[in-house]
Structure formats: structure tokens, C-alpha cells
Amino acid sequence: MDKDADKFSIYVVEDDDAVLRSLCALLTAHGFETVACTSAEQFLDRYDPAKKAFMILDLRLPGMSGLQLQTHLNELNVKIPIVVVTGHGDVPIAVQAMRAGAVDFIEKPAHEDRILKAVETASGLLFNRRPALVSKKIVVDRLEKLTDREREVLHHLLLGKLNKEIASELDVSQRTVEGHRSRIRDKMQARGIADLIRMVG
């Protein structure tokens, strides 16, 4: 077996120097080769299409934004798996990024195990190990367990709305929305919005 066959790089595109150093240190400690980039433009300058790689991409960047970079790469037909890292307030944009082909998104502050799980998903795509998809029948069965109000909240979540926006639209408290979200995750067996988008988005 060729040991190099499973080798890949991770481009970390993040303009916050402390976050960039922290992410690269974590990934390097787990044996991954990282390429640090502080902007989308720097990534485009450093990107080597001959190398197997994926990208951890912050959405808020100076100059070209993360979403603009993703659109640009899609237009160029560059097939690089992208894991989006986003601040809590950017969840609606992260939902757009998922719909545009990102493989996962992680909310800041990102927990180590969440990052490593996303790395596993993205690196699997590099070697044609598709993530296990939940069958349509199982998704339908899970959806049937939701109450009408939970379905309503799920619909708003898939549009990328924040808890306070959903609470305002449904005329309920944010705490009530959080309770619905928790039950939706349990019933759908989803870790978060990214999983829900993959199942029903």
C-alpha cells in the first residue's frame, strides 16, 4: 500500500490570527498538514490543485468573503470540500454555504471534537468515502414524530433563521424555540442544522 495515497492537506482560511494559530495547532497535533491563509485571496494564491486537500473556511474575511470564495470556486469548477466556520450570528449565511455545497459548518467557539468530526467527513470525501446518508424512508419516519409546531420551527431553521427571529414570528419565547430545537434534534437524530439540511434541506 502506498502510504502517500491517503495524504492530504487542510487549508485553514481565517483572518483572526489567534483562531488561525489555534486551529492549525490542533490539526497539526493530530498529524494533519495545514496551510494557513489569512484571506480568500491568499488561499487562491497558495492553492495547489495537484494536491489532495480540503478547506476550513471562515465566512467573515477581509476582501473577498468566505461565501464569495465558495461561489468563485464553484464557478471555476474547483472541487474542494469546504467546512465552514461561522459565528453564531452568521448561521443564515452558513445555511446558504451548505446549500452551495459546503460539507459541514461549525459554530464558533468550535469544540475540538466537532472540528475533528468535520475533518473526518471532509477527508472522507477526498477518498470517495461518502458520508452515510440516512434513507428517505427513515427521514420520513423521523419527520412523522415531530409535532406541527416542531415542523414549523424546523421549516424556519432550514431557512437559516435565528432563535429570536423564529420566536418573534411564532409569537413565543426564545426559550420555547430552544426547547423545540432540542426535541427536533433528538427526534431527527441530528447533531445540528448541518445534519438537518443534509436530511431534509
N, C-alpha and C. Protein backbone atom coordinates (compact mmCIF):
# COMPACT_ATOMS: atom_id res chain seq x y z
N MET A 1 0.86 -1.21 0.00
CA MET A 1 0.00 0.00 0.00
C MET A 1 0.88 1.24 0.00
N ASP A 2 0.50 2.21 -0.82
CA ASP A 2 1.23 3.46 -0.88
C ASP A 2 0.78 4.36 0.27
N LYS A 3 1.70 4.64 1.19
CA LYS A 3 1.34 5.45 2.36
C LYS A 3 0.94 6.86 1.96
N ASP A 4 1.47 7.35 0.82
CA ASP A 4 1.14 8.70 0.39
C ASP A 4 -0.27 8.79 -0.19
N ALA A 5 -0.87 7.64 -0.48
CA ALA A 5 -2.20 7.64 -1.12
C ALA A 5 -3.24 8.33 -0.26
N ASP A 6 -3.08 8.23 1.06
CA ASP A 6 -4.06 8.82 1.96
C ASP A 6 -3.63 10.18 2.49
N LYS A 7 -2.59 10.77 1.90
CA LYS A 7 -2.09 12.06 2.38
C LYS A 7 -2.94 13.19 1.82
N PHE A 8 -3.18 14.19 2.65
CA PHE A 8 -3.92 15.36 2.19
C PHE A 8 -3.53 16.56 3.05
N SER A 9 -3.84 17.75 2.54
CA SER A 9 -3.57 18.99 3.28
C SER A 9 -4.90 19.63 3.67
N ILE A 10 -4.84 20.48 4.69
CA ILE A 10 -6.02 21.23 5.10
C ILE A 10 -5.69 22.72 5.01
N TYR A 11 -6.36 23.42 4.11
CA TYR A 11 -6.21 24.88 4.05
C TYR A 11 -7.10 25.47 5.13
N VAL A 12 -6.52 26.26 6.02
CA VAL A 12 -7.30 26.93 7.07
C VAL A 12 -7.35 28.41 6.71
N VAL A 13 -8.52 28.88 6.31
CA VAL A 13 -8.68 30.27 5.85
C VAL A 13 -9.43 31.04 6.93
N GLU A 14 -8.69 31.85 7.67
CA GLU A 14 -9.24 32.52 8.86
C GLU A 14 -8.44 33.79 9.10
N ASP A 15 -9.13 34.94 9.25
CA ASP A 15 -8.39 36.20 9.39
C ASP A 15 -8.04 36.55 10.84
N ASP A 16 -8.66 35.86 11.81
CA ASP A 16 -8.31 36.09 13.22
C ASP A 16 -7.07 35.27 13.54
N ASP A 17 -5.96 35.98 13.81
CA ASP A 17 -4.67 35.32 13.97
C ASP A 17 -4.68 34.27 15.09
N ALA A 18 -5.34 34.59 16.23
CA ALA A 18 -5.38 33.66 17.36
C ALA A 18 -6.15 32.40 17.01
N VAL A 19 -7.28 32.57 16.32
CA VAL A 19 -8.11 31.42 15.90
C VAL A 19 -7.35 30.59 14.87
N LEU A 20 -6.70 31.26 13.93
CA LEU A 20 -5.93 30.57 12.90
C LEU A 20 -4.83 29.72 13.52
N ARG A 21 -4.06 30.30 14.46
CA ARG A 21 -2.97 29.57 15.12
C ARG A 21 -3.53 28.38 15.90
N SER A 22 -4.64 28.61 16.60
CA SER A 22 -5.25 27.56 17.42
C SER A 22 -5.73 26.39 16.56
N LEU A 23 -6.42 26.69 15.45
CA LEU A 23 -6.90 25.63 14.56
C LEU A 23 -5.74 24.83 13.96
N CYS A 24 -4.74 25.56 13.48
CA CYS A 24 -3.57 24.88 12.86
C CYS A 24 -2.84 24.03 13.89
N ALA A 25 -2.71 24.53 15.13
CA ALA A 25 -2.02 23.76 16.18
C ALA A 25 -2.79 22.48 16.50
N LEU A 26 -4.11 22.59 16.60
CA LEU A 26 -4.94 21.41 16.88
C LEU A 26 -4.80 20.37 15.78
N LEU A 27 -4.90 20.80 14.53
CA LEU A 27 -4.83 19.87 13.40
C LEU A 27 -3.45 19.26 13.26
N THR A 28 -2.41 20.08 13.46
CA THR A 28 -1.02 19.58 13.38
C THR A 28 -0.78 18.54 14.48
N ALA A 29 -1.32 18.80 15.68
CA ALA A 29 -1.16 17.86 16.80
C ALA A 29 -1.78 16.50 16.50
N HIS A 30 -2.78 16.49 15.61
CA HIS A 30 -3.43 15.23 15.21
C HIS A 30 -2.83 14.67 13.92
N GLY A 31 -1.69 15.24 13.50
CA GLY A 31 -0.95 14.67 12.38
C GLY A 31 -1.34 15.18 11.00
N PHE A 32 -2.13 16.26 10.96
CA PHE A 32 -2.56 16.78 9.66
C PHE A 32 -1.63 17.90 9.20
N GLU A 33 -1.43 17.97 7.88
CA GLU A 33 -0.62 19.04 7.30
C GLU A 33 -1.53 20.22 7.02
N THR A 34 -1.20 21.39 7.54
CA THR A 34 -2.06 22.57 7.35
C THR A 34 -1.36 23.63 6.51
N VAL A 35 -2.20 24.41 5.80
CA VAL A 35 -1.71 25.58 5.06
C VAL A 35 -2.53 26.76 5.58
N ALA A 36 -1.88 27.65 6.34
CA ALA A 36 -2.58 28.78 6.95
C ALA A 36 -2.74 29.92 5.94
N CYS A 37 -3.97 30.46 5.85
CA CYS A 37 -4.25 31.58 4.95
C CYS A 37 -5.10 32.60 5.71
N THR A 38 -4.71 33.88 5.63
CA THR A 38 -5.45 34.90 6.39
C THR A 38 -6.52 35.59 5.55
N SER A 39 -6.66 35.20 4.28
CA SER A 39 -7.69 35.79 3.42
C SER A 39 -8.01 34.82 2.28
N ALA A 40 -9.13 35.08 1.61
CA ALA A 40 -9.51 34.27 0.45
C ALA A 40 -8.48 34.45 -0.66
N GLU A 41 -8.01 35.70 -0.80
CA GLU A 41 -7.03 35.98 -1.85
C GLU A 41 -5.74 35.20 -1.62
N GLN A 42 -5.31 35.11 -0.35
CA GLN A 42 -4.10 34.35 -0.03
C GLN A 42 -4.31 32.87 -0.32
N PHE A 43 -5.51 32.36 -0.02
CA PHE A 43 -5.81 30.96 -0.35
C PHE A 43 -5.67 30.74 -1.86
N LEU A 44 -6.26 31.62 -2.66
CA LEU A 44 -6.21 31.45 -4.13
C LEU A 44 -4.77 31.48 -4.63
N ASP A 45 -3.92 32.27 -3.95
CA ASP A 45 -2.51 32.37 -4.32
C ASP A 45 -1.76 31.08 -3.96
N ARG A 46 -2.14 30.47 -2.82
CA ARG A 46 -1.41 29.29 -2.32
C ARG A 46 -2.00 27.95 -2.77
N TYR A 47 -3.22 27.95 -3.28
CA TYR A 47 -3.91 26.70 -3.61
C TYR A 47 -3.17 25.92 -4.70
N ASP A 48 -2.93 24.66 -4.42
CA ASP A 48 -2.26 23.77 -5.38
C ASP A 48 -3.25 22.67 -5.80
N PRO A 49 -3.83 22.79 -7.01
CA PRO A 49 -4.84 21.81 -7.44
C PRO A 49 -4.30 20.39 -7.59
N ALA A 50 -2.97 20.26 -7.63
CA ALA A 50 -2.38 18.92 -7.79
C ALA A 50 -2.40 18.14 -6.47
N LYS A 51 -2.62 18.83 -5.36
CA LYS A 51 -2.61 18.17 -4.04
C LYS A 51 -4.02 17.86 -3.57
N LYS A 52 -4.18 16.69 -2.94
CA LYS A 52 -5.45 16.39 -2.28
C LYS A 52 -5.58 17.31 -1.07
N ALA A 53 -6.72 18.00 -0.98
CA ALA A 53 -6.88 18.94 0.13
C ALA A 53 -8.35 19.28 0.33
N PHE A 54 -8.64 19.77 1.52
CA PHE A 54 -9.93 20.41 1.73
C PHE A 54 -9.69 21.68 2.53
N MET A 55 -10.77 22.43 2.77
CA MET A 55 -10.61 23.75 3.36
C MET A 55 -11.52 23.94 4.56
N ILE A 56 -10.97 24.56 5.61
CA ILE A 56 -11.78 25.07 6.72
C ILE A 56 -11.85 26.57 6.50
N LEU A 57 -13.06 27.07 6.27
CA LEU A 57 -13.23 28.44 5.77
C LEU A 57 -14.09 29.29 6.70
N ASP A 58 -13.52 30.40 7.14
CA ASP A 58 -14.29 31.38 7.91
C ASP A 58 -15.12 32.18 6.91
N LEU A 59 -16.35 32.53 7.28
CA LEU A 59 -17.22 33.26 6.36
C LEU A 59 -16.89 34.75 6.31
N ARG A 60 -16.51 35.30 7.48
CA ARG A 60 -16.21 36.74 7.52
C ARG A 60 -14.71 36.96 7.32
N LEU A 61 -14.37 37.45 6.15
CA LEU A 61 -12.96 37.67 5.81
C LEU A 61 -12.80 39.07 5.23
N PRO A 62 -11.59 39.66 5.35
CA PRO A 62 -11.36 40.95 4.69
C PRO A 62 -11.33 40.73 3.18
N GLY A 63 -11.79 41.69 2.41
CA GLY A 63 -11.80 41.50 0.96
C GLY A 63 -12.90 40.52 0.56
N MET A 64 -12.52 39.51 -0.21
CA MET A 64 -13.49 38.51 -0.64
C MET A 64 -13.99 37.70 0.55
N SER A 65 -15.30 37.61 0.72
CA SER A 65 -15.86 36.86 1.86
C SER A 65 -15.76 35.35 1.61
N GLY A 66 -15.99 34.58 2.66
CA GLY A 66 -15.97 33.13 2.52
C GLY A 66 -17.00 32.64 1.52
N LEU A 67 -18.20 33.23 1.56
CA LEU A 67 -19.27 32.82 0.63
C LEU A 67 -18.91 33.19 -0.80
N GLN A 68 -18.29 34.36 -0.99
CA GLN A 68 -17.85 34.77 -2.33
C GLN A 68 -16.76 33.84 -2.85
N LEU A 69 -15.86 33.42 -1.96
CA LEU A 69 -14.81 32.48 -2.36
C LEU A 69 -15.44 31.15 -2.79
N GLN A 70 -16.41 30.67 -2.02
CA GLN A 70 -17.07 29.42 -2.36
C GLN A 70 -17.75 29.53 -3.73
N THR A 71 -18.43 30.63 -3.98
CA THR A 71 -19.09 30.86 -5.28
C THR A 71 -18.06 30.90 -6.40
N HIS A 72 -16.94 31.60 -6.15
CA HIS A 72 -15.86 31.71 -7.13
C HIS A 72 -15.29 30.32 -7.48
N LEU A 73 -15.07 29.50 -6.46
CA LEU A 73 -14.53 28.15 -6.70
C LEU A 73 -15.53 27.29 -7.47
N ASN A 74 -16.82 27.44 -7.16
CA ASN A 74 -17.86 26.70 -7.89
C ASN A 74 -17.86 27.11 -9.36
N GLU A 75 -17.71 28.41 -9.61
CA GLU A 75 -17.68 28.91 -11.00
C GLU A 75 -16.48 28.37 -11.76
N LEU A 76 -15.36 28.21 -11.04
CA LEU A 76 -14.13 27.66 -11.66
C LEU A 76 -14.16 26.14 -11.73
N ASN A 77 -15.23 25.55 -11.16
CA ASN A 77 -15.37 24.09 -11.09
C ASN A 77 -14.25 23.43 -10.28
N VAL A 78 -13.80 24.16 -9.24
CA VAL A 78 -12.78 23.61 -8.33
C VAL A 78 -13.52 22.80 -7.27
N LYS A 79 -13.26 21.48 -7.27
CA LYS A 79 -13.97 20.59 -6.35
C LYS A 79 -13.15 20.35 -5.09
N ILE A 80 -13.25 21.27 -4.17
CA ILE A 80 -12.54 21.10 -2.90
C ILE A 80 -13.58 21.09 -1.78
N PRO A 81 -13.59 20.03 -0.96
CA PRO A 81 -14.56 20.02 0.15
C PRO A 81 -14.32 21.20 1.09
N ILE A 82 -15.42 21.83 1.52
CA ILE A 82 -15.32 23.02 2.37
C ILE A 82 -16.10 22.81 3.66
N VAL A 83 -15.42 23.04 4.78
CA VAL A 83 -16.08 23.07 6.09
C VAL A 83 -16.11 24.54 6.50
N VAL A 84 -17.30 25.05 6.70
CA VAL A 84 -17.47 26.46 7.04
C VAL A 84 -17.43 26.65 8.55
N VAL A 85 -16.68 27.66 9.00
CA VAL A 85 -16.65 28.03 10.42
C VAL A 85 -17.34 29.40 10.53
N THR A 86 -18.29 29.49 11.44
CA THR A 86 -19.10 30.70 11.49
C THR A 86 -19.40 31.13 12.92
N GLY A 87 -19.53 32.45 13.08
CA GLY A 87 -20.00 32.98 14.36
C GLY A 87 -21.50 32.72 14.47
N HIS A 88 -22.03 32.73 15.68
CA HIS A 88 -23.43 32.38 15.91
C HIS A 88 -24.38 33.20 15.03
N GLY A 89 -24.10 34.50 14.89
CA GLY A 89 -24.98 35.36 14.11
C GLY A 89 -24.96 35.11 12.62
N ASP A 90 -24.00 34.32 12.16
CA ASP A 90 -23.88 34.06 10.72
C ASP A 90 -24.53 32.76 10.29
N VAL A 91 -25.34 32.16 11.16
CA VAL A 91 -25.97 30.88 10.80
C VAL A 91 -26.76 30.96 9.49
N PRO A 92 -27.54 32.05 9.23
CA PRO A 92 -28.25 32.12 7.95
C PRO A 92 -27.31 32.02 6.75
N ILE A 93 -26.12 32.66 6.86
CA ILE A 93 -25.15 32.60 5.75
C ILE A 93 -24.57 31.19 5.66
N ALA A 94 -24.34 30.56 6.83
CA ALA A 94 -23.81 29.19 6.84
C ALA A 94 -24.79 28.24 6.15
N VAL A 95 -26.09 28.47 6.33
CA VAL A 95 -27.10 27.66 5.65
C VAL A 95 -26.97 27.84 4.14
N GLN A 96 -26.74 29.09 3.70
CA GLN A 96 -26.51 29.34 2.26
C GLN A 96 -25.29 28.56 1.79
N ALA A 97 -24.23 28.58 2.60
CA ALA A 97 -22.99 27.88 2.24
C ALA A 97 -23.23 26.37 2.10
N MET A 98 -24.03 25.80 3.00
CA MET A 98 -24.37 24.36 2.92
C MET A 98 -25.12 24.09 1.62
N ARG A 99 -26.05 24.96 1.29
CA ARG A 99 -26.83 24.76 0.05
C ARG A 99 -25.94 24.91 -1.19
N ALA A 100 -24.86 25.68 -1.05
CA ALA A 100 -23.92 25.87 -2.17
C ALA A 100 -22.87 24.76 -2.22
N GLY A 101 -22.98 23.77 -1.30
CA GLY A 101 -22.10 22.61 -1.41
C GLY A 101 -21.12 22.39 -0.27
N ALA A 102 -21.09 23.26 0.74
CA ALA A 102 -20.20 23.01 1.88
C ALA A 102 -20.59 21.68 2.53
N VAL A 103 -19.60 20.96 3.05
CA VAL A 103 -19.89 19.63 3.60
C VAL A 103 -20.34 19.69 5.06
N ASP A 104 -20.03 20.81 5.73
CA ASP A 104 -20.42 20.93 7.15
C ASP A 104 -20.20 22.37 7.56
N PHE A 105 -20.83 22.76 8.66
CA PHE A 105 -20.44 24.04 9.25
C PHE A 105 -20.37 23.91 10.75
N ILE A 106 -19.43 24.67 11.30
CA ILE A 106 -19.14 24.63 12.73
C ILE A 106 -19.33 26.03 13.30
N GLU A 107 -20.08 26.13 14.38
CA GLU A 107 -20.26 27.44 15.02
C GLU A 107 -19.12 27.72 15.98
N LYS A 108 -18.64 28.97 15.99
CA LYS A 108 -17.63 29.40 16.96
C LYS A 108 -18.30 29.66 18.30
N PRO A 109 -17.62 29.46 19.42
CA PRO A 109 -16.29 28.84 19.51
C PRO A 109 -16.38 27.35 19.24
N ALA A 110 -15.49 26.87 18.37
CA ALA A 110 -15.56 25.48 17.92
C ALA A 110 -14.91 24.53 18.93
N HIS A 111 -15.62 23.46 19.27
CA HIS A 111 -15.06 22.44 20.16
C HIS A 111 -14.17 21.50 19.36
N GLU A 112 -13.11 21.02 20.01
CA GLU A 112 -12.14 20.14 19.33
C GLU A 112 -12.81 18.96 18.64
N ASP A 113 -13.69 18.25 19.38
CA ASP A 113 -14.28 17.04 18.79
C ASP A 113 -15.16 17.38 17.59
N ARG A 114 -15.77 18.57 17.61
CA ARG A 114 -16.61 19.00 16.48
C ARG A 114 -15.75 19.25 15.26
N ILE A 115 -14.58 19.87 15.47
CA ILE A 115 -13.66 20.14 14.35
C ILE A 115 -13.15 18.82 13.78
N LEU A 116 -12.75 17.91 14.66
CA LEU A 116 -12.18 16.63 14.19
C LEU A 116 -13.22 15.79 13.47
N LYS A 117 -14.47 15.88 13.90
CA LYS A 117 -15.56 15.15 13.22
C LYS A 117 -15.74 15.71 11.81
N ALA A 118 -15.69 17.04 11.69
CA ALA A 118 -15.82 17.68 10.37
C ALA A 118 -14.63 17.31 9.47
N VAL A 119 -13.44 17.22 10.06
CA VAL A 119 -12.24 16.80 9.32
C VAL A 119 -12.43 15.38 8.78
N GLU A 120 -12.99 14.53 9.60
CA GLU A 120 -13.24 13.13 9.19
C GLU A 120 -14.21 13.08 7.99
N THR A 121 -15.27 13.88 8.07
CA THR A 121 -16.26 13.93 6.99
C THR A 121 -15.63 14.45 5.69
N ALA A 122 -14.92 15.59 5.81
CA ALA A 122 -14.33 16.22 4.62
C ALA A 122 -13.23 15.37 4.01
N SER A 123 -12.37 14.79 4.86
CA SER A 123 -11.28 13.96 4.31
C SER A 123 -11.84 12.69 3.67
N GLY A 124 -12.93 12.18 4.21
CA GLY A 124 -13.57 11.01 3.59
C GLY A 124 -13.99 11.28 2.16
N LEU A 125 -14.47 12.50 1.90
CA LEU A 125 -14.89 12.86 0.54
C LEU A 125 -13.71 12.85 -0.43
N LEU A 126 -12.52 13.18 0.08
CA LEU A 126 -11.33 13.20 -0.79
C LEU A 126 -11.01 11.81 -1.32
N PHE A 127 -11.41 10.79 -0.55
CA PHE A 127 -11.09 9.41 -0.95
C PHE A 127 -12.35 8.63 -1.27
N ASN A 128 -13.38 9.39 -1.72
CA ASN A 128 -14.66 8.80 -2.14
C ASN A 128 -15.34 7.97 -1.07
N ARG A 129 -15.08 8.33 0.20
CA ARG A 129 -15.81 7.67 1.29
C ARG A 129 -16.95 8.60 1.65
N ARG A 130 -18.05 8.43 0.94
CA ARG A 130 -19.19 9.32 1.14
C ARG A 130 -19.73 9.16 2.55
N PRO A 131 -20.19 10.28 3.17
CA PRO A 131 -20.81 10.12 4.48
C PRO A 131 -22.07 9.28 4.37
N ALA A 132 -22.33 8.49 5.37
CA ALA A 132 -23.51 7.62 5.33
C ALA A 132 -24.77 8.48 5.28
N LEU A 133 -25.55 8.28 4.22
CA LEU A 133 -26.78 9.04 4.09
C LEU A 133 -27.92 8.29 4.76
N VAL A 134 -28.78 9.04 5.40
CA VAL A 134 -29.95 8.43 6.02
C VAL A 134 -30.98 8.24 4.93
N SER A 135 -31.57 7.04 4.84
CA SER A 135 -32.52 6.77 3.77
C SER A 135 -33.75 7.68 3.89
N LYS A 136 -34.38 7.92 2.71
CA LYS A 136 -35.57 8.79 2.68
C LYS A 136 -36.66 8.26 3.62
N LYS A 137 -36.80 6.93 3.66
CA LYS A 137 -37.86 6.34 4.49
C LYS A 137 -37.61 6.65 5.97
N ILE A 138 -36.34 6.52 6.41
CA ILE A 138 -36.01 6.81 7.80
C ILE A 138 -36.26 8.28 8.12
N VAL A 139 -35.88 9.17 7.16
CA VAL A 139 -36.11 10.60 7.35
C VAL A 139 -37.61 10.87 7.50
N VAL A 140 -38.42 10.26 6.62
CA VAL A 140 -39.89 10.43 6.68
C VAL A 140 -40.42 9.95 8.02
N ASP A 141 -39.93 8.77 8.47
CA ASP A 141 -40.37 8.22 9.77
C ASP A 141 -40.04 9.19 10.91
N ARG A 142 -38.83 9.78 10.85
CA ARG A 142 -38.43 10.71 11.90
C ARG A 142 -39.26 11.99 11.85
N LEU A 143 -39.53 12.48 10.63
CA LEU A 143 -40.34 13.69 10.48
C LEU A 143 -41.74 13.50 11.04
N GLU A 144 -42.26 12.28 10.89
CA GLU A 144 -43.61 12.00 11.38
C GLU A 144 -43.70 12.08 12.91
N LYS A 145 -42.55 11.96 13.57
CA LYS A 145 -42.55 12.04 15.05
C LYS A 145 -42.63 13.48 15.54
N LEU A 146 -42.41 14.45 14.63
CA LEU A 146 -42.45 15.87 15.01
C LEU A 146 -43.89 16.35 15.15
N THR A 147 -44.11 17.22 16.12
CA THR A 147 -45.42 17.86 16.24
C THR A 147 -45.53 18.92 15.15
N ASP A 148 -46.75 19.45 14.94
CA ASP A 148 -46.94 20.51 13.94
C ASP A 148 -46.06 21.72 14.24
N ARG A 149 -45.97 22.10 15.52
CA ARG A 149 -45.16 23.26 15.89
C ARG A 149 -43.68 22.98 15.65
N GLU A 150 -43.22 21.75 15.94
CA GLU A 150 -41.81 21.39 15.68
C GLU A 150 -41.51 21.43 14.19
N ARG A 151 -42.47 21.02 13.36
CA ARG A 151 -42.28 21.10 11.90
C ARG A 151 -42.15 22.56 11.46
N GLU A 152 -42.96 23.41 12.09
CA GLU A 152 -42.93 24.84 11.79
C GLU A 152 -41.56 25.42 12.15
N VAL A 153 -41.05 25.07 13.33
CA VAL A 153 -39.73 25.55 13.77
C VAL A 153 -38.66 25.01 12.83
N LEU A 154 -38.75 23.75 12.45
CA LEU A 154 -37.77 23.14 11.53
C LEU A 154 -37.75 23.90 10.21
N HIS A 155 -38.92 24.24 9.69
CA HIS A 155 -39.01 24.99 8.43
C HIS A 155 -38.22 26.31 8.54
N HIS A 156 -38.42 27.03 9.65
CA HIS A 156 -37.71 28.29 9.86
C HIS A 156 -36.20 28.06 10.01
N LEU A 157 -35.82 26.98 10.70
CA LEU A 157 -34.39 26.67 10.87
C LEU A 157 -33.73 26.43 9.52
N LEU A 158 -34.43 25.72 8.64
CA LEU A 158 -33.87 25.40 7.32
C LEU A 158 -33.76 26.64 6.43
N LEU A 159 -34.49 27.70 6.81
CA LEU A 159 -34.35 28.97 6.10
C LEU A 159 -33.19 29.79 6.67
N GLY A 160 -32.57 29.24 7.75
CA GLY A 160 -31.41 29.90 8.33
C GLY A 160 -31.76 30.98 9.34
N LYS A 161 -32.99 30.92 9.88
CA LYS A 161 -33.40 31.95 10.84
C LYS A 161 -32.85 31.67 12.22
N LEU A 162 -32.61 32.74 12.96
CA LEU A 162 -32.11 32.64 14.33
C LEU A 162 -33.26 32.41 15.29
N ASN A 163 -32.95 31.91 16.50
CA ASN A 163 -33.99 31.63 17.50
C ASN A 163 -34.89 32.83 17.76
N LYS A 164 -34.27 34.03 17.88
CA LYS A 164 -35.08 35.22 18.21
C LYS A 164 -36.03 35.58 17.07
N GLU A 165 -35.59 35.33 15.82
CA GLU A 165 -36.46 35.61 14.67
C GLU A 165 -37.64 34.63 14.64
N ILE A 166 -37.32 33.35 14.93
CA ILE A 166 -38.38 32.33 14.94
C ILE A 166 -39.37 32.63 16.07
N ALA A 167 -38.83 32.99 17.23
CA ALA A 167 -39.68 33.31 18.38
C ALA A 167 -40.63 34.46 18.05
N SER A 168 -40.10 35.48 17.37
CA SER A 168 -40.91 36.64 17.00
C SER A 168 -42.02 36.25 16.02
N GLU A 169 -41.66 35.43 15.01
CA GLU A 169 -42.64 35.02 14.00
C GLU A 169 -43.74 34.15 14.59
N LEU A 170 -43.37 33.29 15.54
CA LEU A 170 -44.35 32.36 16.12
C LEU A 170 -44.99 32.91 17.39
N ASP A 171 -44.54 34.11 17.78
CA ASP A 171 -45.06 34.76 18.99
C ASP A 171 -44.90 33.88 20.23
N VAL A 172 -43.70 33.36 20.39
CA VAL A 172 -43.35 32.56 21.58
C VAL A 172 -42.02 33.06 22.11
N SER A 173 -41.57 32.55 23.26
CA SER A 173 -40.28 32.98 23.82
C SER A 173 -39.12 32.24 23.14
N GLN A 174 -37.92 32.83 23.23
CA GLN A 174 -36.73 32.16 22.68
C GLN A 174 -36.51 30.82 23.38
N ARG A 175 -36.80 30.79 24.69
CA ARG A 175 -36.63 29.54 25.45
C ARG A 175 -37.51 28.43 24.88
N THR A 176 -38.73 28.79 24.46
CA THR A 176 -39.64 27.82 23.86
C THR A 176 -39.06 27.29 22.54
N VAL A 177 -38.51 28.21 21.74
CA VAL A 177 -37.89 27.81 20.47
C VAL A 177 -36.71 26.87 20.73
N GLU A 178 -35.88 27.21 21.74
CA GLU A 178 -34.73 26.35 22.08
C GLU A 178 -35.20 24.95 22.48
N GLY A 179 -36.31 24.88 23.21
CA GLY A 179 -36.87 23.58 23.59
C GLY A 179 -37.31 22.79 22.37
N HIS A 180 -37.96 23.48 21.43
CA HIS A 180 -38.39 22.82 20.18
C HIS A 180 -37.17 22.32 19.39
N ARG A 181 -36.14 23.18 19.32
CA ARG A 181 -34.92 22.80 18.58
C ARG A 181 -34.29 21.54 19.17
N SER A 182 -34.25 21.50 20.49
CA SER A 182 -33.66 20.34 21.18
C SER A 182 -34.44 19.07 20.86
N ARG A 183 -35.78 19.18 20.90
CA ARG A 183 -36.61 17.99 20.60
C ARG A 183 -36.50 17.58 19.13
N ILE A 184 -36.39 18.58 18.25
CA ILE A 184 -36.22 18.28 16.81
C ILE A 184 -34.92 17.51 16.60
N ARG A 185 -33.82 17.99 17.24
CA ARG A 185 -32.53 17.30 17.10
C ARG A 185 -32.63 15.86 17.60
N ASP A 186 -33.29 15.67 18.76
CA ASP A 186 -33.43 14.32 19.33
C ASP A 186 -34.24 13.41 18.39
N LYS A 187 -35.38 13.91 17.94
CA LYS A 187 -36.27 13.08 17.12
C LYS A 187 -35.68 12.80 15.74
N MET A 188 -34.95 13.78 15.20
CA MET A 188 -34.34 13.61 13.87
C MET A 188 -32.96 12.96 13.96
N GLN A 189 -32.46 12.77 15.21
CA GLN A 189 -31.12 12.22 15.44
C GLN A 189 -30.05 13.01 14.68
N ALA A 190 -30.12 14.33 14.88
CA ALA A 190 -29.21 15.25 14.19
C ALA A 190 -28.34 15.98 15.21
N ARG A 191 -27.08 16.24 14.84
CA ARG A 191 -26.18 16.99 15.73
C ARG A 191 -26.49 18.47 15.70
N GLY A 192 -27.03 18.92 14.58
CA GLY A 192 -27.30 20.35 14.44
C GLY A 192 -27.92 20.64 13.08
N ILE A 193 -27.91 21.92 12.71
CA ILE A 193 -28.59 22.34 11.48
C ILE A 193 -27.96 21.69 10.24
N ALA A 194 -26.62 21.53 10.26
CA ALA A 194 -25.95 20.92 9.09
C ALA A 194 -26.53 19.54 8.80
N ASP A 195 -26.72 18.73 9.84
CA ASP A 195 -27.31 17.39 9.66
C ASP A 195 -28.74 17.49 9.15
N LEU A 196 -29.50 18.44 9.70
CA LEU A 196 -30.90 18.61 9.26
C LEU A 196 -30.97 19.00 7.78
N ILE A 197 -30.06 19.87 7.35
CA ILE A 197 -30.02 20.27 5.94
C ILE A 197 -29.72 19.07 5.05
N ARG A 198 -28.75 18.24 5.51
CA ARG A 198 -28.42 17.05 4.72
C ARG A 198 -29.61 16.10 4.60
N MET A 199 -30.41 16.01 5.67
CA MET A 199 -31.56 15.09 5.66
C MET A 199 -32.75 15.62 4.88
N VAL A 200 -33.09 16.88 5.16
CA VAL A 200 -34.36 17.35 4.60
C VAL A 200 -34.24 18.68 3.85
N GLY A 201 -33.03 19.26 3.83
CA GLY A 201 -32.89 20.57 3.19
C GLY A 201 -32.89 20.50 1.69
